[in-house]
C-alpha cells in the first residue's frame, strides 16, 4: 500500500487560535492543542485518502507532544495514522529519511516550502497548499 505524508499544523490543523502564545509554554499546552480546529475540508479528504493509502502525519512540534497530537487527531475525527514530530527541519528530515526505508510514498501534503524539501527527499509528489485554507480538490486532482 502506498503512503501519504501529511503535515499537521497549517495543513490539516488550524492552530491560529493559539498563535498569540508562540514562544510560551502555553502554546503547546494540552488544552490549547485540543482546542485547535481541523482546516476546512481536511477531515473529508483525509478520510477519502485513508481508504486507499496509509496516512503518516508529521509536524513541527516537540516530540514530547506525540500523545497530545494523537489525542487531537482522534478527537476531531482524523483517520488513524502514524505520528512523527520534529521541532526543526533537520529533525523532520531525519524522520522522513528513516520512514523512506519502510514506506512507499506516493505523495506529501504540506503548506510550506520546506515541506517540499521533505517530499523531494523521499522521492514523492509534493503538494503544497495554502496555509490554514487548503484547497483539497488540488489533492484529489493529483493523488
N, C-alpha and C. Protein backbone atom coordinates (compact mmCIF):
# COMPACT_ATOMS: atom_id res chain seq x y z
N UNK A 1 0.84 -1.18 0.00
CA UNK A 1 0.00 0.00 0.00
C UNK A 1 0.89 1.25 0.00
N UNK A 2 0.57 2.18 -0.85
CA UNK A 2 1.29 3.45 -0.89
C UNK A 2 0.98 4.28 0.35
N UNK A 3 1.91 5.16 0.70
CA UNK A 3 1.74 6.04 1.86
C UNK A 3 1.67 7.49 1.41
N UNK A 4 1.00 8.32 2.22
CA UNK A 4 0.94 9.76 2.01
C UNK A 4 1.42 10.43 3.29
N UNK A 5 2.40 11.32 3.14
CA UNK A 5 2.93 12.09 4.26
C UNK A 5 2.11 13.37 4.38
N UNK A 6 1.51 13.60 5.55
CA UNK A 6 0.60 14.74 5.74
C UNK A 6 1.13 15.63 6.86
N UNK A 7 1.42 16.89 6.52
CA UNK A 7 1.88 17.82 7.53
C UNK A 7 0.68 18.26 8.38
N UNK A 8 0.91 18.45 9.66
CA UNK A 8 -0.19 18.74 10.58
C UNK A 8 -0.51 20.24 10.62
N UNK A 9 0.31 21.03 11.30
CA UNK A 9 -0.02 22.43 11.53
C UNK A 9 -0.05 23.24 10.24
N UNK A 10 -1.16 23.92 10.03
CA UNK A 10 -1.35 24.74 8.85
C UNK A 10 -1.95 23.99 7.69
N UNK A 11 -1.77 22.67 7.66
CA UNK A 11 -2.29 21.85 6.56
C UNK A 11 -3.62 21.22 6.95
N UNK A 12 -3.60 20.41 8.01
CA UNK A 12 -4.87 19.81 8.48
C UNK A 12 -5.32 20.40 9.81
N UNK A 13 -4.43 21.15 10.47
CA UNK A 13 -4.72 21.73 11.78
C UNK A 13 -4.64 23.25 11.71
N UNK A 14 -5.74 23.90 12.09
CA UNK A 14 -5.76 25.35 12.14
C UNK A 14 -5.50 25.76 13.60
N UNK A 15 -4.25 26.10 13.87
CA UNK A 15 -3.84 26.44 15.23
C UNK A 15 -3.75 27.95 15.46
N UNK A 16 -4.44 28.71 14.61
CA UNK A 16 -4.36 30.18 14.75
C UNK A 16 -4.91 30.67 16.09
N UNK A 17 -5.79 29.90 16.71
CA UNK A 17 -6.34 30.31 18.00
C UNK A 17 -5.28 30.41 19.09
N UNK A 18 -4.12 29.81 18.87
CA UNK A 18 -3.08 29.85 19.90
C UNK A 18 -1.80 30.55 19.47
N UNK A 19 -1.81 31.16 18.30
CA UNK A 19 -0.61 31.85 17.81
C UNK A 19 -0.16 32.96 18.76
N UNK A 20 -1.11 33.57 19.45
CA UNK A 20 -0.75 34.63 20.40
C UNK A 20 0.17 34.13 21.52
N UNK A 21 0.24 32.80 21.69
CA UNK A 21 1.05 32.22 22.75
C UNK A 21 2.38 31.63 22.25
N UNK A 22 2.75 31.90 20.99
CA UNK A 22 4.01 31.40 20.45
C UNK A 22 5.15 31.80 21.39
N UNK A 23 6.10 30.90 21.54
CA UNK A 23 7.27 31.12 22.40
C UNK A 23 6.93 31.16 23.89
N UNK A 24 5.77 30.65 24.25
CA UNK A 24 5.43 30.47 25.67
C UNK A 24 5.08 29.00 25.88
N UNK A 25 5.19 28.51 27.09
CA UNK A 25 4.83 27.11 27.36
C UNK A 25 3.36 26.83 27.06
N UNK A 26 2.52 27.84 27.14
CA UNK A 26 1.08 27.63 26.92
C UNK A 26 0.76 27.30 25.46
N UNK A 27 1.63 27.72 24.53
CA UNK A 27 1.37 27.47 23.10
C UNK A 27 1.10 26.00 22.84
N UNK A 28 1.91 25.11 23.38
CA UNK A 28 1.74 23.68 23.16
C UNK A 28 1.10 22.96 24.35
N UNK A 29 0.32 23.69 25.16
CA UNK A 29 -0.35 23.02 26.27
C UNK A 29 -1.43 22.09 25.71
N UNK A 30 -1.75 21.07 26.47
CA UNK A 30 -2.75 20.11 26.02
C UNK A 30 -4.10 20.78 25.75
N UNK A 31 -4.53 21.64 26.67
CA UNK A 31 -5.82 22.34 26.47
C UNK A 31 -5.82 23.16 25.19
N UNK A 32 -4.72 23.83 24.95
CA UNK A 32 -4.60 24.67 23.76
C UNK A 32 -4.62 23.83 22.48
N UNK A 33 -3.83 22.77 22.45
CA UNK A 33 -3.79 21.91 21.27
C UNK A 33 -5.15 21.27 21.02
N UNK A 34 -5.79 20.82 22.07
CA UNK A 34 -7.09 20.15 21.91
C UNK A 34 -8.20 21.11 21.48
N UNK A 35 -7.94 22.41 21.56
CA UNK A 35 -8.94 23.38 21.08
C UNK A 35 -8.73 23.76 19.62
N UNK A 36 -7.64 23.25 19.00
CA UNK A 36 -7.41 23.51 17.58
C UNK A 36 -8.54 22.92 16.74
N UNK A 37 -8.78 23.53 15.60
CA UNK A 37 -9.80 23.05 14.67
C UNK A 37 -9.13 22.43 13.45
N UNK A 38 -9.79 21.47 12.82
CA UNK A 38 -9.26 20.99 11.54
C UNK A 38 -9.48 22.05 10.47
N UNK A 39 -8.58 22.12 9.50
CA UNK A 39 -8.79 23.06 8.40
C UNK A 39 -9.99 22.59 7.58
N UNK A 40 -10.64 23.54 6.93
CA UNK A 40 -11.84 23.24 6.16
C UNK A 40 -11.61 22.16 5.12
N UNK A 41 -12.42 21.11 5.19
CA UNK A 41 -12.36 20.03 4.21
C UNK A 41 -11.31 18.97 4.46
N UNK A 42 -10.43 19.18 5.44
CA UNK A 42 -9.34 18.24 5.66
C UNK A 42 -9.82 16.88 6.17
N UNK A 43 -10.81 16.87 7.04
CA UNK A 43 -11.31 15.59 7.55
C UNK A 43 -11.86 14.72 6.42
N UNK A 44 -12.64 15.33 5.58
CA UNK A 44 -13.24 14.58 4.46
C UNK A 44 -12.17 14.05 3.52
N UNK A 45 -11.21 14.88 3.18
CA UNK A 45 -10.17 14.46 2.24
C UNK A 45 -9.29 13.37 2.86
N UNK A 46 -8.91 13.53 4.12
CA UNK A 46 -8.06 12.51 4.75
C UNK A 46 -8.81 11.18 4.88
N UNK A 47 -10.09 11.25 5.13
CA UNK A 47 -10.90 10.02 5.20
C UNK A 47 -10.92 9.34 3.84
N UNK A 48 -11.09 10.12 2.78
CA UNK A 48 -11.06 9.56 1.42
C UNK A 48 -9.71 8.92 1.13
N UNK A 49 -8.63 9.64 1.45
CA UNK A 49 -7.29 9.12 1.18
C UNK A 49 -7.01 7.86 1.97
N UNK A 50 -7.51 7.80 3.20
CA UNK A 50 -7.22 6.65 4.07
C UNK A 50 -7.82 5.35 3.55
N UNK A 51 -8.80 5.45 2.66
CA UNK A 51 -9.37 4.23 2.09
C UNK A 51 -8.45 3.60 1.04
N UNK A 52 -7.47 4.38 0.54
CA UNK A 52 -6.57 3.89 -0.49
C UNK A 52 -5.11 3.89 -0.07
N UNK A 53 -4.76 4.75 0.90
CA UNK A 53 -3.37 4.96 1.26
C UNK A 53 -3.17 4.92 2.76
N UNK A 54 -1.96 4.62 3.16
CA UNK A 54 -1.55 4.70 4.56
C UNK A 54 -1.20 6.16 4.83
N UNK A 55 -1.80 6.76 5.86
CA UNK A 55 -1.51 8.14 6.21
C UNK A 55 -0.43 8.18 7.28
N UNK A 56 0.54 9.06 7.07
CA UNK A 56 1.59 9.29 8.06
C UNK A 56 1.61 10.79 8.31
N UNK A 57 1.32 11.16 9.55
CA UNK A 57 1.27 12.56 9.95
C UNK A 57 2.63 13.01 10.48
N UNK A 58 3.02 14.23 10.10
CA UNK A 58 4.29 14.79 10.59
C UNK A 58 4.06 16.24 10.98
N UNK A 59 4.73 16.66 12.03
CA UNK A 59 4.53 18.03 12.49
C UNK A 59 5.79 18.67 13.04
N UNK A 60 5.74 19.99 13.10
CA UNK A 60 6.84 20.79 13.63
C UNK A 60 6.55 21.11 15.09
N UNK A 61 6.50 20.08 15.88
CA UNK A 61 6.24 20.21 17.31
C UNK A 61 7.30 19.40 18.05
N UNK A 62 7.50 19.70 19.32
CA UNK A 62 8.42 18.86 20.11
C UNK A 62 7.92 17.42 20.13
N UNK A 63 8.84 16.47 20.06
CA UNK A 63 8.49 15.05 20.06
C UNK A 63 7.69 14.65 21.30
N UNK A 64 7.85 15.38 22.38
CA UNK A 64 7.12 15.07 23.61
C UNK A 64 5.61 15.31 23.47
N UNK A 65 5.18 15.89 22.36
CA UNK A 65 3.76 16.17 22.14
C UNK A 65 3.08 15.14 21.24
N UNK A 66 3.72 14.02 21.02
CA UNK A 66 3.14 12.98 20.16
C UNK A 66 1.79 12.50 20.71
N UNK A 67 1.72 12.21 22.01
CA UNK A 67 0.47 11.70 22.58
C UNK A 67 -0.65 12.72 22.50
N UNK A 68 -0.35 13.99 22.79
CA UNK A 68 -1.37 15.05 22.71
C UNK A 68 -1.82 15.21 21.25
N UNK A 69 -0.88 15.12 20.33
CA UNK A 69 -1.22 15.25 18.91
C UNK A 69 -2.11 14.10 18.48
N UNK A 70 -1.79 12.88 18.89
CA UNK A 70 -2.66 11.73 18.58
C UNK A 70 -4.05 11.93 19.17
N UNK A 71 -4.08 12.44 20.38
CA UNK A 71 -5.37 12.69 21.05
C UNK A 71 -6.20 13.69 20.25
N UNK A 72 -5.54 14.75 19.74
CA UNK A 72 -6.25 15.74 18.93
C UNK A 72 -6.76 15.12 17.63
N UNK A 73 -5.90 14.37 16.95
CA UNK A 73 -6.31 13.73 15.69
C UNK A 73 -7.55 12.87 15.91
N UNK A 74 -7.55 12.10 16.98
CA UNK A 74 -8.69 11.23 17.30
C UNK A 74 -9.91 12.06 17.68
N UNK A 75 -9.71 13.07 18.51
CA UNK A 75 -10.82 13.91 18.99
C UNK A 75 -11.60 14.54 17.83
N UNK A 76 -10.87 15.05 16.83
CA UNK A 76 -11.55 15.74 15.73
C UNK A 76 -11.96 14.80 14.61
N UNK A 77 -11.52 13.52 14.67
CA UNK A 77 -12.02 12.53 13.73
C UNK A 77 -11.14 12.16 12.56
N UNK A 78 -9.85 12.48 12.63
CA UNK A 78 -8.96 12.10 11.53
C UNK A 78 -8.74 10.59 11.52
N UNK A 79 -8.54 10.02 10.34
CA UNK A 79 -8.24 8.59 10.25
C UNK A 79 -6.94 8.26 10.97
N UNK A 80 -6.84 7.02 11.38
CA UNK A 80 -5.63 6.54 12.06
C UNK A 80 -4.42 6.70 11.15
N UNK A 81 -3.30 6.93 11.78
CA UNK A 81 -2.04 7.03 11.06
C UNK A 81 -0.91 7.21 12.04
N UNK A 82 0.28 6.89 11.60
CA UNK A 82 1.46 7.10 12.43
C UNK A 82 1.68 8.60 12.60
N UNK A 83 2.25 9.00 13.74
CA UNK A 83 2.51 10.41 14.03
C UNK A 83 3.98 10.59 14.38
N UNK A 84 4.62 11.53 13.70
CA UNK A 84 6.03 11.85 13.95
C UNK A 84 6.16 13.36 14.09
N UNK A 85 6.96 13.78 15.07
CA UNK A 85 7.15 15.20 15.31
C UNK A 85 8.63 15.53 15.41
N UNK A 86 8.98 16.68 14.86
CA UNK A 86 10.34 17.19 14.96
C UNK A 86 10.28 18.71 14.98
N UNK A 87 10.95 19.31 15.93
CA UNK A 87 10.85 20.76 16.11
C UNK A 87 11.45 21.57 14.98
N UNK A 88 12.45 21.01 14.30
CA UNK A 88 13.09 21.78 13.24
C UNK A 88 13.22 20.92 11.98
N UNK A 89 13.62 21.57 10.91
CA UNK A 89 13.70 20.89 9.61
C UNK A 89 14.70 19.74 9.64
N UNK A 90 15.79 19.93 10.34
CA UNK A 90 16.80 18.87 10.42
C UNK A 90 16.21 17.61 11.08
N UNK A 91 15.46 17.78 12.16
CA UNK A 91 14.83 16.63 12.82
C UNK A 91 13.81 15.97 11.91
N UNK A 92 13.00 16.78 11.24
CA UNK A 92 11.97 16.22 10.35
C UNK A 92 12.60 15.51 9.16
N UNK A 93 13.72 16.03 8.66
CA UNK A 93 14.41 15.38 7.55
C UNK A 93 14.91 14.01 7.98
N UNK A 94 15.47 13.93 9.16
CA UNK A 94 15.95 12.64 9.67
C UNK A 94 14.78 11.65 9.78
N UNK A 95 13.64 12.12 10.26
CA UNK A 95 12.46 11.27 10.39
C UNK A 95 12.03 10.73 9.03
N UNK A 96 11.88 11.62 8.03
CA UNK A 96 11.37 11.16 6.74
C UNK A 96 12.35 10.24 6.03
N UNK A 97 13.65 10.47 6.22
CA UNK A 97 14.62 9.58 5.58
C UNK A 97 14.54 8.18 6.19
N UNK A 98 14.27 8.09 7.48
CA UNK A 98 14.06 6.78 8.11
C UNK A 98 12.75 6.15 7.63
N UNK A 99 11.71 6.97 7.47
CA UNK A 99 10.42 6.48 7.00
C UNK A 99 10.49 5.99 5.55
N UNK A 100 11.36 6.61 4.78
CA UNK A 100 11.50 6.26 3.36
C UNK A 100 11.86 4.79 3.19
N UNK A 101 12.65 4.26 4.09
CA UNK A 101 13.06 2.86 4.01
C UNK A 101 11.93 1.88 4.32
N UNK A 102 10.89 2.35 4.98
CA UNK A 102 9.80 1.47 5.42
C UNK A 102 8.49 1.72 4.69
N UNK A 103 8.45 2.74 3.84
CA UNK A 103 7.20 3.13 3.18
C UNK A 103 7.45 3.44 1.71
N UNK A 104 6.40 3.29 0.93
CA UNK A 104 6.44 3.65 -0.48
C UNK A 104 5.55 4.88 -0.63
N UNK A 105 6.14 6.05 -0.55
CA UNK A 105 5.37 7.30 -0.57
C UNK A 105 4.95 7.66 -1.99
N UNK A 106 3.66 7.92 -2.14
CA UNK A 106 3.15 8.40 -3.42
C UNK A 106 3.10 9.93 -3.43
N UNK A 107 2.89 10.53 -2.23
CA UNK A 107 2.77 11.99 -2.17
C UNK A 107 3.01 12.49 -0.76
N UNK A 108 3.34 13.77 -0.70
CA UNK A 108 3.42 14.50 0.54
C UNK A 108 2.56 15.74 0.42
N UNK A 109 1.86 16.07 1.50
CA UNK A 109 0.96 17.23 1.50
C UNK A 109 1.42 18.16 2.61
N UNK A 110 1.68 19.42 2.27
CA UNK A 110 2.11 20.39 3.26
C UNK A 110 1.64 21.78 2.91
N UNK A 111 2.11 22.77 3.67
CA UNK A 111 1.69 24.14 3.43
C UNK A 111 2.86 25.13 3.41
N UNK A 112 4.07 24.62 3.48
CA UNK A 112 5.25 25.49 3.47
C UNK A 112 6.29 24.94 2.50
N UNK A 113 7.14 25.82 2.04
CA UNK A 113 8.14 25.41 1.07
C UNK A 113 9.09 24.37 1.64
N UNK A 114 9.40 24.44 2.95
CA UNK A 114 10.32 23.45 3.50
C UNK A 114 9.67 22.06 3.58
N UNK A 115 8.33 21.99 3.53
CA UNK A 115 7.66 20.69 3.43
C UNK A 115 8.02 20.05 2.09
N UNK A 116 8.13 20.86 1.07
CA UNK A 116 8.51 20.38 -0.26
C UNK A 116 9.88 19.71 -0.21
N UNK A 117 10.79 20.26 0.56
CA UNK A 117 12.13 19.68 0.70
C UNK A 117 12.03 18.24 1.25
N UNK A 118 11.15 18.03 2.21
CA UNK A 118 10.96 16.69 2.77
C UNK A 118 10.39 15.74 1.72
N UNK A 119 9.44 16.23 0.95
CA UNK A 119 8.82 15.40 -0.09
C UNK A 119 9.85 15.00 -1.14
N UNK A 120 10.70 15.93 -1.53
CA UNK A 120 11.74 15.63 -2.51
C UNK A 120 12.72 14.60 -1.96
N UNK A 121 13.02 14.68 -0.67
CA UNK A 121 13.97 13.75 -0.06
C UNK A 121 13.45 12.32 -0.07
N UNK A 122 12.13 12.16 -0.03
CA UNK A 122 11.57 10.80 -0.04
C UNK A 122 11.08 10.40 -1.43
N UNK A 123 11.31 11.28 -2.41
CA UNK A 123 11.05 10.94 -3.80
C UNK A 123 9.59 10.80 -4.18
N UNK A 124 8.75 11.67 -3.63
CA UNK A 124 7.33 11.57 -3.96
C UNK A 124 6.79 12.89 -4.52
N UNK A 125 5.58 12.82 -5.01
CA UNK A 125 4.88 14.00 -5.48
C UNK A 125 4.70 14.96 -4.30
N UNK A 126 4.92 16.25 -4.53
CA UNK A 126 4.80 17.25 -3.47
C UNK A 126 3.64 18.17 -3.76
N UNK A 127 2.71 18.23 -2.82
CA UNK A 127 1.56 19.11 -2.96
C UNK A 127 1.62 20.13 -1.83
N UNK A 128 1.82 21.39 -2.19
CA UNK A 128 1.91 22.47 -1.21
C UNK A 128 0.63 23.31 -1.32
N UNK A 129 -0.10 23.37 -0.21
CA UNK A 129 -1.40 24.05 -0.16
C UNK A 129 -1.28 25.36 0.61
N UNK A 130 -2.29 26.20 0.49
CA UNK A 130 -2.33 27.46 1.22
C UNK A 130 -2.51 27.17 2.71
N UNK A 131 -1.64 27.77 3.53
CA UNK A 131 -1.69 27.56 4.97
C UNK A 131 -3.06 27.95 5.52
N UNK A 132 -3.64 27.06 6.32
CA UNK A 132 -4.91 27.20 7.02
C UNK A 132 -6.13 27.24 6.10
N UNK A 133 -5.95 27.38 4.80
CA UNK A 133 -7.07 27.42 3.86
C UNK A 133 -6.77 26.55 2.64
N UNK A 134 -6.45 25.27 2.88
CA UNK A 134 -6.07 24.41 1.76
C UNK A 134 -7.23 24.10 0.82
N UNK A 135 -6.90 23.95 -0.46
CA UNK A 135 -7.88 23.54 -1.45
C UNK A 135 -7.71 22.03 -1.64
N UNK A 136 -8.58 21.26 -1.02
CA UNK A 136 -8.45 19.81 -1.04
C UNK A 136 -8.76 19.21 -2.40
N UNK A 137 -9.43 19.97 -3.27
CA UNK A 137 -9.64 19.48 -4.63
C UNK A 137 -8.31 19.34 -5.37
N UNK A 138 -7.33 20.17 -5.02
CA UNK A 138 -5.99 20.05 -5.60
C UNK A 138 -5.40 18.69 -5.24
N UNK A 139 -5.56 18.28 -4.00
CA UNK A 139 -5.07 16.97 -3.56
C UNK A 139 -5.77 15.87 -4.33
N UNK A 140 -7.08 15.96 -4.41
CA UNK A 140 -7.85 14.94 -5.13
C UNK A 140 -7.44 14.86 -6.59
N UNK A 141 -7.10 15.99 -7.19
CA UNK A 141 -6.72 16.03 -8.59
C UNK A 141 -5.39 15.32 -8.84
N UNK A 142 -4.44 15.47 -7.91
CA UNK A 142 -3.09 14.98 -8.16
C UNK A 142 -2.72 13.67 -7.46
N UNK A 143 -3.57 13.19 -6.59
CA UNK A 143 -3.28 11.88 -5.96
C UNK A 143 -4.31 10.88 -6.45
